[in-house]
Every structure is written in C-alpha cells, then in structure tokens.
Amino acid sequence: MGDWAEGDPLEVAPRLLGAILTHGGVSLRLTEVEAYAGPADPGSHAYRGRTDRNAVMFGPPGHLYVYFVYGMHHCANLVTGPDGDPGAVLLRAGEVVAGLDLARERRPGARDRDLARGPARLCRALGIDLDDNGVRPTIAPAPGERVDQISTGPRVGLRHAADRPWRFWITGEPTVSTYRPAAPRSRAGR
C-alpha cells in the first residue's frame, strides 16, 4: 500500500473507491466507504481517546481496525492517519472480483451483488474477524481509470455526527448498501 491510502480520512476515503482489497483468498473492488476523523469526530471509536479496543486506530497507517458489533458482526476500518492520529475509513461494501466461490461459501444463499454489500457482509466475504485486528491487508489502487462518478451522503446508523456527508460510494453501483439512519433510542418507563 502506498501513500495514496494514507492521510486525512476525508481525502483518502474517495481515493479508496475502486481499489482492490484482498484478504482470506478473496479480492473485492471497494464500492462504498465512510470516513472517521478520530478525536474531532463524535462518530469515531477514537473520539474519547485511546483504549485497548481502539489502539490500532492510533497508527501506524495501513492496518485494519476490526471490531465486533451487536454481538454478532465484525466490521473493519483501514487506518489512514499517521502514528498518533486515529483517522480511519470504514470499509462498507465491495464487489467480489476474485475468490467468488470462497465468498459464496462464507455467505451461503446470498446473491453475488450482496456478498460484500454492507460492512459486516464485507468482513464475512473476506474472512475478516477479530484475529485480523492490526493486520496489514493487501490493497492496490483502482486499476485503469479513476472512479469519476462518486456520490456522498450521511454515514449509516450513527447517533452522533450522523449528518456529516462522510460516506462515499460509486454512483449507481449495485453493491452499495442501503442507507439507514440510526433509530432513536427509547427509554423504558418514560
């Protein structure tokens, strides 16, 4: 991975679109990502500072920050900021371009366009789990022409800083996940 995938997550995120990410015998073309700006971003896991859980986010760049959500799913961010600066990009969706049979085994019954459509499905298709936290994945810039048609909008499922248009996707790409805003929490007994 070169300098093209390192730096401010808001600049790196759109550059990652079309890049080829390979892990666990599967390669995919990234079609959707979200930027997270560390301590300046209430939506980031690094907002409140460094912990054992988020330590990978604090550098060096080029490594996966993998976490477990809802007691059942893994999600992965690519750390982009320099050492000590916890910027990262959530890998939201992709199109499987190699290792299709293995991705199908990991996601039985899924249509091909849905194999890596959403951050948990992407991790499942690539075989990413907590053992991969801190691993440096194989990632290469988009082959051929740059992606020209990029859309941006609010990040998915956040309660804090959800209105920031820091989600980027390839316009019209069928593997992009469906936008779902966070549902408000209700307090029992009120």
N, C-alpha and C. Protein backbone atom coordinates (compact mmCIF):
# COMPACT_ATOMS: atom_id res chain seq x y z
N MET A 1 0.86 -1.18 0.00
CA MET A 1 0.00 0.00 0.00
C MET A 1 0.89 1.23 0.00
N GLY A 2 0.55 2.20 -0.83
CA GLY A 2 1.37 3.40 -0.92
C GLY A 2 0.73 4.58 -0.24
N ASP A 3 1.33 5.74 -0.46
CA ASP A 3 0.85 6.98 0.15
C ASP A 3 -0.57 7.33 -0.26
N TRP A 4 -1.06 6.80 -1.37
CA TRP A 4 -2.41 7.12 -1.85
C TRP A 4 -3.48 6.71 -0.85
N ALA A 5 -3.17 5.78 0.07
CA ALA A 5 -4.16 5.33 1.05
C ALA A 5 -3.80 5.77 2.46
N GLU A 6 -2.98 6.81 2.57
CA GLU A 6 -2.58 7.34 3.87
C GLU A 6 -2.86 8.83 3.90
N GLY A 7 -3.30 9.34 5.07
CA GLY A 7 -3.55 10.76 5.24
C GLY A 7 -4.91 11.01 5.87
N ASP A 8 -5.41 12.21 5.66
CA ASP A 8 -6.72 12.61 6.19
C ASP A 8 -7.79 11.66 5.66
N PRO A 9 -8.59 11.05 6.55
CA PRO A 9 -9.59 10.08 6.08
C PRO A 9 -10.60 10.67 5.10
N LEU A 10 -10.88 11.96 5.18
CA LEU A 10 -11.82 12.57 4.24
C LEU A 10 -11.24 12.68 2.83
N GLU A 11 -9.92 12.69 2.73
CA GLU A 11 -9.28 12.70 1.41
C GLU A 11 -9.03 11.28 0.91
N VAL A 12 -8.69 10.39 1.83
CA VAL A 12 -8.39 9.00 1.45
C VAL A 12 -9.65 8.25 1.06
N ALA A 13 -10.75 8.47 1.76
CA ALA A 13 -11.98 7.69 1.52
C ALA A 13 -12.38 7.65 0.04
N PRO A 14 -12.53 8.78 -0.64
CA PRO A 14 -12.92 8.67 -2.05
C PRO A 14 -11.84 8.03 -2.93
N ARG A 15 -10.57 8.15 -2.53
CA ARG A 15 -9.49 7.51 -3.31
C ARG A 15 -9.55 5.99 -3.19
N LEU A 16 -10.14 5.49 -2.10
CA LEU A 16 -10.23 4.04 -1.93
C LEU A 16 -11.29 3.40 -2.83
N LEU A 17 -12.22 4.20 -3.33
CA LEU A 17 -13.26 3.64 -4.20
C LEU A 17 -12.63 3.08 -5.47
N GLY A 18 -12.97 1.84 -5.77
CA GLY A 18 -12.41 1.16 -6.93
C GLY A 18 -11.14 0.39 -6.61
N ALA A 19 -10.54 0.63 -5.45
CA ALA A 19 -9.32 -0.09 -5.05
C ALA A 19 -9.64 -1.57 -4.85
N ILE A 20 -8.64 -2.40 -5.04
CA ILE A 20 -8.79 -3.84 -4.88
C ILE A 20 -8.21 -4.25 -3.53
N LEU A 21 -9.06 -4.81 -2.68
CA LEU A 21 -8.69 -5.29 -1.35
C LEU A 21 -8.71 -6.81 -1.38
N THR A 22 -7.61 -7.42 -0.96
CA THR A 22 -7.51 -8.88 -0.95
C THR A 22 -7.22 -9.35 0.47
N HIS A 23 -8.00 -10.34 0.89
CA HIS A 23 -7.80 -10.94 2.22
C HIS A 23 -8.51 -12.29 2.25
N GLY A 24 -7.91 -13.25 2.90
CA GLY A 24 -8.56 -14.54 3.10
C GLY A 24 -8.93 -15.26 1.82
N GLY A 25 -8.15 -15.09 0.75
CA GLY A 25 -8.41 -15.79 -0.51
C GLY A 25 -9.48 -15.15 -1.38
N VAL A 26 -9.95 -13.95 -1.00
CA VAL A 26 -10.97 -13.24 -1.78
C VAL A 26 -10.48 -11.83 -2.08
N SER A 27 -10.76 -11.35 -3.28
CA SER A 27 -10.46 -9.96 -3.65
C SER A 27 -11.75 -9.27 -4.00
N LEU A 28 -11.86 -8.02 -3.58
CA LEU A 28 -13.03 -7.24 -3.97
C LEU A 28 -12.64 -5.82 -4.34
N ARG A 29 -13.48 -5.23 -5.15
CA ARG A 29 -13.34 -3.83 -5.56
C ARG A 29 -14.20 -3.02 -4.61
N LEU A 30 -13.57 -2.09 -3.85
CA LEU A 30 -14.32 -1.28 -2.89
C LEU A 30 -15.27 -0.35 -3.61
N THR A 31 -16.55 -0.38 -3.18
CA THR A 31 -17.57 0.45 -3.82
C THR A 31 -18.21 1.45 -2.86
N GLU A 32 -17.95 1.30 -1.54
CA GLU A 32 -18.55 2.20 -0.56
C GLU A 32 -17.68 2.23 0.69
N VAL A 33 -17.45 3.43 1.22
CA VAL A 33 -16.63 3.63 2.42
C VAL A 33 -17.18 4.79 3.23
N GLU A 34 -16.74 4.90 4.51
CA GLU A 34 -17.10 6.03 5.36
C GLU A 34 -15.86 6.52 6.08
N ALA A 35 -15.69 7.84 6.16
CA ALA A 35 -14.55 8.44 6.84
C ALA A 35 -14.86 8.72 8.30
N TYR A 36 -13.86 8.52 9.16
CA TYR A 36 -13.96 8.80 10.60
C TYR A 36 -12.72 9.57 11.03
N ALA A 37 -12.93 10.75 11.64
CA ALA A 37 -11.84 11.70 11.91
C ALA A 37 -11.38 11.70 13.37
N GLY A 38 -11.34 10.56 14.02
CA GLY A 38 -10.74 10.42 15.34
C GLY A 38 -11.32 11.35 16.40
N PRO A 39 -10.46 12.05 17.16
CA PRO A 39 -10.93 12.86 18.28
C PRO A 39 -11.80 14.05 17.88
N ALA A 40 -11.80 14.42 16.62
CA ALA A 40 -12.64 15.53 16.14
C ALA A 40 -14.01 15.05 15.67
N ASP A 41 -14.30 13.76 15.85
CA ASP A 41 -15.48 13.16 15.27
C ASP A 41 -16.23 12.33 16.31
N PRO A 42 -17.38 12.82 16.82
CA PRO A 42 -18.14 12.05 17.82
C PRO A 42 -18.62 10.69 17.33
N GLY A 43 -18.60 10.44 16.02
CA GLY A 43 -18.98 9.14 15.48
C GLY A 43 -17.85 8.12 15.49
N SER A 44 -16.63 8.57 15.79
CA SER A 44 -15.46 7.70 15.74
C SER A 44 -15.25 6.96 17.06
N HIS A 45 -14.75 5.73 16.96
CA HIS A 45 -14.40 4.96 18.16
C HIS A 45 -13.24 5.60 18.91
N ALA A 46 -12.50 6.50 18.28
CA ALA A 46 -11.36 7.16 18.92
C ALA A 46 -11.73 8.52 19.51
N TYR A 47 -12.98 8.89 19.47
CA TYR A 47 -13.42 10.21 19.92
C TYR A 47 -13.04 10.48 21.38
N ARG A 48 -13.18 9.50 22.23
CA ARG A 48 -12.90 9.68 23.66
C ARG A 48 -11.47 9.30 24.04
N GLY A 49 -10.63 9.02 23.05
CA GLY A 49 -9.23 8.71 23.34
C GLY A 49 -8.89 7.25 23.12
N ARG A 50 -7.65 6.95 23.38
CA ARG A 50 -7.10 5.62 23.14
C ARG A 50 -7.53 4.64 24.23
N THR A 51 -7.93 3.44 23.80
CA THR A 51 -8.27 2.34 24.71
C THR A 51 -7.60 1.07 24.18
N ASP A 52 -7.66 0.01 24.93
CA ASP A 52 -7.14 -1.26 24.43
C ASP A 52 -7.88 -1.68 23.16
N ARG A 53 -9.18 -1.43 23.13
CA ARG A 53 -10.00 -1.85 21.99
C ARG A 53 -9.63 -1.10 20.71
N ASN A 54 -9.42 0.22 20.80
CA ASN A 54 -9.21 1.02 19.58
C ASN A 54 -7.75 1.37 19.32
N ALA A 55 -6.81 0.79 20.03
CA ALA A 55 -5.39 1.15 19.93
C ALA A 55 -4.85 1.10 18.50
N VAL A 56 -5.32 0.15 17.70
CA VAL A 56 -4.85 0.04 16.31
C VAL A 56 -5.14 1.31 15.52
N MET A 57 -6.24 2.01 15.86
CA MET A 57 -6.61 3.23 15.14
C MET A 57 -5.56 4.33 15.28
N PHE A 58 -4.72 4.25 16.29
CA PHE A 58 -3.74 5.29 16.56
C PHE A 58 -2.43 5.08 15.80
N GLY A 59 -2.44 4.18 14.83
CA GLY A 59 -1.32 4.03 13.91
C GLY A 59 -0.47 2.82 14.23
N PRO A 60 0.35 2.51 13.26
CA PRO A 60 0.62 3.22 12.01
C PRO A 60 -0.48 2.99 10.98
N PRO A 61 -0.46 3.82 9.91
CA PRO A 61 -1.48 3.67 8.87
C PRO A 61 -1.30 2.37 8.09
N GLY A 62 -2.39 1.98 7.41
CA GLY A 62 -2.33 0.81 6.54
C GLY A 62 -2.74 -0.49 7.20
N HIS A 63 -3.21 -0.43 8.45
CA HIS A 63 -3.61 -1.63 9.17
C HIS A 63 -5.13 -1.64 9.36
N LEU A 64 -5.67 -2.83 9.58
CA LEU A 64 -7.10 -2.97 9.83
C LEU A 64 -7.41 -2.77 11.31
N TYR A 65 -8.43 -1.96 11.57
CA TYR A 65 -9.02 -1.88 12.91
C TYR A 65 -10.33 -2.66 12.81
N VAL A 66 -10.39 -3.82 13.46
CA VAL A 66 -11.54 -4.71 13.38
C VAL A 66 -12.25 -4.70 14.74
N TYR A 67 -13.57 -4.60 14.71
CA TYR A 67 -14.34 -4.62 15.95
C TYR A 67 -15.61 -5.45 15.75
N PHE A 68 -16.21 -5.82 16.88
CA PHE A 68 -17.37 -6.70 16.90
C PHE A 68 -18.57 -5.86 17.34
N VAL A 69 -19.68 -5.90 16.59
CA VAL A 69 -20.86 -5.10 16.91
C VAL A 69 -22.09 -5.98 17.05
N TYR A 70 -23.03 -5.51 17.86
CA TYR A 70 -24.31 -6.18 18.07
C TYR A 70 -24.17 -7.64 18.49
N GLY A 71 -23.02 -8.00 19.02
CA GLY A 71 -22.79 -9.36 19.49
C GLY A 71 -22.77 -10.40 18.39
N MET A 72 -22.66 -9.96 17.10
CA MET A 72 -22.68 -10.95 16.03
C MET A 72 -21.93 -10.58 14.76
N HIS A 73 -21.52 -9.32 14.57
CA HIS A 73 -20.91 -8.91 13.30
C HIS A 73 -19.53 -8.30 13.52
N HIS A 74 -18.66 -8.52 12.55
CA HIS A 74 -17.36 -7.85 12.52
C HIS A 74 -17.43 -6.73 11.49
N CYS A 75 -16.74 -5.63 11.78
CA CYS A 75 -16.59 -4.52 10.85
C CYS A 75 -15.11 -4.16 10.82
N ALA A 76 -14.64 -3.60 9.70
CA ALA A 76 -13.22 -3.27 9.55
C ALA A 76 -13.04 -1.87 9.00
N ASN A 77 -12.10 -1.15 9.59
CA ASN A 77 -11.66 0.15 9.12
C ASN A 77 -10.22 0.03 8.65
N LEU A 78 -9.86 0.79 7.65
CA LEU A 78 -8.47 0.93 7.25
C LEU A 78 -7.93 2.18 7.93
N VAL A 79 -6.91 2.03 8.77
CA VAL A 79 -6.30 3.16 9.46
C VAL A 79 -5.54 3.98 8.41
N THR A 80 -5.81 5.28 8.37
CA THR A 80 -5.19 6.14 7.34
C THR A 80 -4.27 7.20 7.93
N GLY A 81 -4.53 7.62 9.17
CA GLY A 81 -3.75 8.70 9.76
C GLY A 81 -2.36 8.26 10.16
N PRO A 82 -1.44 9.23 10.33
CA PRO A 82 -0.08 8.90 10.79
C PRO A 82 -0.12 8.44 12.25
N ASP A 83 0.98 7.88 12.73
CA ASP A 83 1.06 7.44 14.12
C ASP A 83 0.54 8.51 15.05
N GLY A 84 -0.34 8.11 15.96
CA GLY A 84 -0.89 9.03 16.95
C GLY A 84 -2.13 9.77 16.50
N ASP A 85 -2.47 9.73 15.22
CA ASP A 85 -3.64 10.43 14.68
C ASP A 85 -4.63 9.38 14.18
N PRO A 86 -5.70 9.10 14.96
CA PRO A 86 -6.55 7.94 14.69
C PRO A 86 -7.59 8.10 13.59
N GLY A 87 -7.24 8.64 12.45
CA GLY A 87 -8.16 8.69 11.33
C GLY A 87 -8.28 7.32 10.68
N ALA A 88 -9.49 6.99 10.23
CA ALA A 88 -9.72 5.68 9.61
C ALA A 88 -10.89 5.74 8.65
N VAL A 89 -10.98 4.74 7.79
CA VAL A 89 -12.06 4.64 6.81
C VAL A 89 -12.73 3.28 6.97
N LEU A 90 -14.03 3.30 7.27
CA LEU A 90 -14.81 2.07 7.37
C LEU A 90 -15.01 1.50 5.97
N LEU A 91 -14.73 0.22 5.80
CA LEU A 91 -14.91 -0.47 4.53
C LEU A 91 -16.35 -0.98 4.51
N ARG A 92 -17.22 -0.30 3.77
CA ARG A 92 -18.67 -0.57 3.83
C ARG A 92 -19.17 -1.60 2.82
N ALA A 93 -18.63 -1.59 1.59
CA ALA A 93 -19.17 -2.52 0.58
C ALA A 93 -18.18 -2.70 -0.55
N GLY A 94 -18.35 -3.82 -1.27
CA GLY A 94 -17.48 -4.09 -2.40
C GLY A 94 -18.08 -5.14 -3.32
N GLU A 95 -17.47 -5.24 -4.48
CA GLU A 95 -17.84 -6.24 -5.49
C GLU A 95 -16.75 -7.30 -5.52
N VAL A 96 -17.10 -8.55 -5.28
CA VAL A 96 -16.12 -9.63 -5.31
C VAL A 96 -15.62 -9.80 -6.75
N VAL A 97 -14.29 -9.73 -6.93
CA VAL A 97 -13.71 -9.85 -8.26
C VAL A 97 -12.80 -11.07 -8.40
N ALA A 98 -12.47 -11.73 -7.29
CA ALA A 98 -11.70 -12.97 -7.31
C ALA A 98 -12.02 -13.74 -6.03
N GLY A 99 -12.01 -15.06 -6.14
CA GLY A 99 -12.35 -15.90 -4.99
C GLY A 99 -13.85 -15.98 -4.77
N LEU A 100 -14.61 -15.87 -5.86
CA LEU A 100 -16.06 -15.84 -5.78
C LEU A 100 -16.63 -17.09 -5.10
N ASP A 101 -16.11 -18.26 -5.41
CA ASP A 101 -16.63 -19.49 -4.80
C ASP A 101 -16.42 -19.49 -3.29
N LEU A 102 -15.27 -19.02 -2.82
CA LEU A 102 -14.99 -18.95 -1.39
C LEU A 102 -15.91 -17.93 -0.71
N ALA A 103 -16.12 -16.77 -1.34
CA ALA A 103 -17.04 -15.77 -0.79
C ALA A 103 -18.46 -16.34 -0.71
N ARG A 104 -18.86 -17.11 -1.71
CA ARG A 104 -20.19 -17.75 -1.68
C ARG A 104 -20.30 -18.76 -0.55
N GLU A 105 -19.21 -19.50 -0.28
CA GLU A 105 -19.22 -20.45 0.84
C GLU A 105 -19.40 -19.72 2.17
N ARG A 106 -18.76 -18.58 2.29
CA ARG A 106 -18.84 -17.81 3.54
C ARG A 106 -20.17 -17.09 3.70
N ARG A 107 -20.88 -16.87 2.59
CA ARG A 107 -22.18 -16.18 2.62
C ARG A 107 -23.19 -17.00 1.83
N PRO A 108 -23.51 -18.21 2.30
CA PRO A 108 -24.42 -19.09 1.55
C PRO A 108 -25.78 -18.46 1.33
N GLY A 109 -26.28 -18.64 0.11
CA GLY A 109 -27.61 -18.14 -0.23
C GLY A 109 -27.65 -16.69 -0.67
N ALA A 110 -26.54 -15.95 -0.51
CA ALA A 110 -26.53 -14.54 -0.91
C ALA A 110 -26.35 -14.41 -2.42
N ARG A 111 -27.06 -13.44 -2.98
CA ARG A 111 -26.83 -13.11 -4.39
C ARG A 111 -25.42 -12.54 -4.52
N ASP A 112 -24.81 -12.69 -5.67
CA ASP A 112 -23.44 -12.21 -5.86
C ASP A 112 -23.29 -10.73 -5.53
N ARG A 113 -24.24 -9.90 -5.89
CA ARG A 113 -24.12 -8.47 -5.61
C ARG A 113 -24.22 -8.18 -4.11
N ASP A 114 -24.77 -9.11 -3.34
CA ASP A 114 -24.93 -8.93 -1.90
C ASP A 114 -23.82 -9.58 -1.06
N LEU A 115 -22.86 -10.24 -1.70
CA LEU A 115 -21.83 -10.96 -0.96
C LEU A 115 -21.05 -10.05 0.00
N ALA A 116 -20.77 -8.82 -0.43
CA ALA A 116 -19.99 -7.88 0.39
C ALA A 116 -20.71 -6.53 0.45
N ARG A 117 -22.02 -6.57 0.48
CA ARG A 117 -22.86 -5.36 0.48
C ARG A 117 -23.22 -5.01 1.93
N GLY A 118 -22.42 -4.14 2.52
CA GLY A 118 -22.54 -3.77 3.93
C GLY A 118 -21.28 -4.19 4.67
N PRO A 119 -20.91 -3.48 5.73
CA PRO A 119 -19.62 -3.73 6.38
C PRO A 119 -19.49 -5.12 7.01
N ALA A 120 -20.55 -5.66 7.59
CA ALA A 120 -20.46 -7.00 8.19
C ALA A 120 -20.36 -8.07 7.10
N ARG A 121 -21.11 -7.91 6.04
CA ARG A 121 -21.06 -8.87 4.92
C ARG A 121 -19.69 -8.82 4.25
N LEU A 122 -19.13 -7.63 4.11
CA LEU A 122 -17.80 -7.47 3.52
C LEU A 122 -16.79 -8.26 4.34
N CYS A 123 -16.82 -8.11 5.66
CA CYS A 123 -15.89 -8.85 6.52
C CYS A 123 -16.10 -10.35 6.39
N ARG A 124 -17.34 -10.77 6.33
CA ARG A 124 -17.64 -12.20 6.22
C ARG A 124 -17.11 -12.76 4.90
N ALA A 125 -17.35 -12.03 3.80
CA ALA A 125 -16.88 -12.50 2.49
C ALA A 125 -15.36 -12.61 2.44
N LEU A 126 -14.67 -11.67 3.10
CA LEU A 126 -13.20 -11.67 3.11
C LEU A 126 -12.61 -12.55 4.21
N GLY A 127 -13.46 -13.08 5.09
CA GLY A 127 -12.97 -13.90 6.19
C GLY A 127 -12.29 -13.08 7.28
N ILE A 128 -12.69 -11.82 7.46
CA ILE A 128 -12.10 -10.94 8.46
C ILE A 128 -12.85 -11.11 9.78
N ASP A 129 -12.07 -11.30 10.87
CA ASP A 129 -12.64 -11.34 12.21
C ASP A 129 -11.66 -10.67 13.17
N LEU A 130 -11.91 -10.79 14.47
CA LEU A 130 -11.08 -10.10 15.45
C LEU A 130 -9.61 -10.51 15.40
N ASP A 131 -9.32 -11.71 14.92
CA ASP A 131 -7.93 -12.14 14.78
C ASP A 131 -7.17 -11.28 13.77
N ASP A 132 -7.90 -10.56 12.92
CA ASP A 132 -7.27 -9.71 11.90
C ASP A 132 -7.08 -8.27 12.36
N ASN A 133 -7.47 -7.95 13.58
CA ASN A 133 -7.24 -6.61 14.11
C ASN A 133 -5.75 -6.33 14.12
N GLY A 134 -5.33 -5.26 13.44
CA GLY A 134 -3.93 -4.89 13.35
C GLY A 134 -3.19 -5.45 12.15
N VAL A 135 -3.85 -6.31 11.38
CA VAL A 135 -3.23 -6.89 10.19
C VAL A 135 -3.15 -5.83 9.09
N ARG A 136 -2.10 -5.92 8.28
CA ARG A 136 -1.95 -5.03 7.13
C ARG A 136 -2.50 -5.76 5.90
N PRO A 137 -3.66 -5.35 5.38
CA PRO A 137 -4.25 -6.06 4.24
C PRO A 137 -3.52 -5.72 2.94
N THR A 138 -3.77 -6.53 1.92
CA THR A 138 -3.27 -6.24 0.59
C THR A 138 -4.30 -5.35 -0.10
N ILE A 139 -3.88 -4.15 -0.46
CA ILE A 139 -4.79 -3.22 -1.12
C ILE A 139 -4.02 -2.47 -2.20
N ALA A 140 -4.63 -2.36 -3.37
CA ALA A 140 -3.99 -1.70 -4.51
C ALA A 140 -4.95 -0.68 -5.09
N PRO A 141 -4.40 0.43 -5.62
CA PRO A 141 -5.28 1.45 -6.20
C PRO A 141 -6.14 0.88 -7.33
N ALA A 142 -7.22 1.58 -7.61
CA ALA A 142 -8.13 1.16 -8.68
C ALA A 142 -7.35 0.93 -9.97
N PRO A 143 -7.53 -0.23 -10.59
CA PRO A 143 -6.85 -0.48 -11.85
C PRO A 143 -7.48 0.36 -12.96
N GLY A 144 -6.66 0.76 -13.93
CA GLY A 144 -7.17 1.53 -15.06
C GLY A 144 -7.58 2.94 -14.68
N GLU A 145 -8.71 3.37 -15.19
CA GLU A 145 -9.17 4.74 -14.97
C GLU A 145 -9.66 4.95 -13.55
N ARG A 146 -9.52 6.18 -13.07
CA ARG A 146 -10.05 6.56 -11.77
C ARG A 146 -11.57 6.53 -11.78
N VAL A 147 -12.16 6.35 -10.62
CA VAL A 147 -13.62 6.39 -10.49
C VAL A 147 -14.03 7.86 -10.56
N ASP A 148 -14.87 8.20 -11.53
CA ASP A 148 -15.28 9.60 -11.71
C ASP A 148 -16.63 9.92 -11.08
N GLN A 149 -17.52 8.96 -11.03
CA GLN A 149 -18.87 9.20 -10.53
C GLN A 149 -18.95 8.76 -9.06
N ILE A 150 -18.70 9.71 -8.16
CA ILE A 150 -18.72 9.44 -6.73
C ILE A 150 -19.85 10.24 -6.09
N SER A 151 -20.64 9.55 -5.28
CA SER A 151 -21.69 10.22 -4.50
C SER A 151 -21.25 10.29 -3.05
N THR A 152 -21.82 11.23 -2.32
CA THR A 152 -21.52 11.36 -0.90
C THR A 152 -22.81 11.66 -0.15
N GLY A 153 -22.85 11.23 1.10
CA GLY A 153 -24.04 11.44 1.92
C GLY A 153 -23.74 11.13 3.36
N PRO A 154 -24.78 11.15 4.20
CA PRO A 154 -24.58 10.90 5.63
C PRO A 154 -24.12 9.47 5.90
N ARG A 155 -23.38 9.32 6.98
CA ARG A 155 -22.93 7.99 7.39
C ARG A 155 -24.13 7.19 7.91
N VAL A 156 -24.00 5.88 7.90
CA VAL A 156 -25.10 4.97 8.20
C VAL A 156 -25.11 4.57 9.68
N GLY A 157 -26.31 4.63 10.29
CA GLY A 157 -26.52 4.06 11.61
C GLY A 157 -25.88 4.77 12.78
N LEU A 158 -25.45 6.01 12.61
CA LEU A 158 -24.81 6.74 13.71
C LEU A 158 -25.83 7.56 14.49
N ARG A 159 -25.59 7.71 15.78
CA ARG A 159 -26.39 8.58 16.62
C ARG A 159 -25.73 9.95 16.77
N HIS A 160 -24.39 9.99 16.67
CA HIS A 160 -23.64 11.24 16.83
C HIS A 160 -22.96 11.59 15.51
N ALA A 161 -23.07 12.85 15.11
CA ALA A 161 -22.45 13.35 13.88
C ALA A 161 -22.93 12.60 12.65
N ALA A 162 -24.16 12.13 12.69
CA ALA A 162 -24.72 11.36 11.57
C ALA A 162 -24.95 12.20 10.33
N ASP A 163 -25.10 13.51 10.51
CA ASP A 163 -25.41 14.38 9.38
C ASP A 163 -24.20 14.72 8.51
N ARG A 164 -23.01 14.38 8.95
CA ARG A 164 -21.82 14.69 8.15
C ARG A 164 -21.82 13.83 6.90
N PRO A 165 -21.63 14.43 5.73
CA PRO A 165 -21.67 13.67 4.47
C PRO A 165 -20.35 12.96 4.19
N TRP A 166 -19.95 12.07 5.08
CA TRP A 166 -18.65 11.42 5.02
C TRP A 166 -18.74 9.97 4.55
N ARG A 167 -19.86 9.61 3.96
CA ARG A 167 -20.00 8.30 3.31
C ARG A 167 -19.82 8.55 1.82
N PHE A 168 -18.99 7.74 1.19
CA PHE A 168 -18.68 7.88 -0.24
C PHE A 168 -18.97 6.56 -0.94
N TRP A 169 -19.56 6.65 -2.13
CA TRP A 169 -19.84 5.42 -2.88
C TRP A 169 -19.77 5.71 -4.37
N ILE A 170 -19.56 4.63 -5.13
CA ILE A 170 -19.55 4.74 -6.59
C ILE A 170 -21.00 4.87 -7.03
N THR A 171 -21.31 5.97 -7.68
CA THR A 171 -22.67 6.27 -8.10
C THR A 171 -23.23 5.15 -9.00
N GLY A 172 -24.42 4.69 -8.65
CA GLY A 172 -25.11 3.69 -9.46
C GLY A 172 -24.62 2.26 -9.27
N GLU A 173 -23.66 2.04 -8.39
CA GLU A 173 -23.09 0.70 -8.18
C GLU A 173 -24.09 -0.16 -7.38
N PRO A 174 -24.47 -1.33 -7.91
CA PRO A 174 -25.49 -2.16 -7.24
C PRO A 174 -25.01 -2.83 -5.95
N THR A 175 -23.71 -2.85 -5.67
CA THR A 175 -23.23 -3.49 -4.45
C THR A 175 -23.23 -2.53 -3.25
N VAL A 176 -23.58 -1.27 -3.46
CA VAL A 176 -23.61 -0.29 -2.37
C VAL A 176 -24.77 -0.62 -1.43
N SER A 177 -24.53 -0.49 -0.12
CA SER A 177 -25.55 -0.82 0.86
C SER A 177 -26.67 0.21 0.89
N THR A 178 -27.78 -0.18 1.45
CA THR A 178 -28.95 0.70 1.57
C THR A 178 -28.74 1.65 2.73
N TYR A 179 -29.03 2.93 2.54
CA TYR A 179 -28.88 3.90 3.62
C TYR A 179 -29.97 3.71 4.66
N ARG A 180 -29.55 3.62 5.92
CA ARG A 180 -30.48 3.51 7.04
C ARG A 180 -29.99 4.42 8.16
N PRO A 181 -30.75 5.47 8.47
CA PRO A 181 -30.34 6.32 9.59
C PRO A 181 -30.49 5.56 10.91
N ALA A 182 -29.80 6.03 11.93
CA ALA A 182 -29.92 5.40 13.25
C ALA A 182 -31.33 5.57 13.77
N ALA A 183 -31.83 4.56 14.44
CA ALA A 183 -33.15 4.65 15.07
C ALA A 183 -32.98 5.28 16.45
N PRO A 184 -33.86 6.20 16.80
CA PRO A 184 -33.73 6.81 18.13
C PRO A 184 -33.95 5.77 19.22
N ARG A 185 -33.20 5.94 20.29
CA ARG A 185 -33.36 5.03 21.44
C ARG A 185 -34.54 5.49 22.27
N SER A 186 -35.27 4.52 22.78
CA SER A 186 -36.37 4.88 23.68
C SER A 186 -35.97 4.48 25.08
N ARG A 187 -36.44 5.24 26.02
CA ARG A 187 -36.14 4.95 27.44
C ARG A 187 -37.38 4.32 28.06
N ALA A 188 -37.20 3.12 28.58
CA ALA A 188 -38.32 2.40 29.20
C ALA A 188 -38.79 3.14 30.44
N GLY A 189 -40.09 3.17 30.62
CA GLY A 189 -40.65 3.79 31.82
C GLY A 189 -40.85 5.28 31.73
N ARG A 190 -40.63 5.86 30.54
CA ARG A 190 -40.85 7.32 30.41
C ARG A 190 -42.03 7.60 29.56
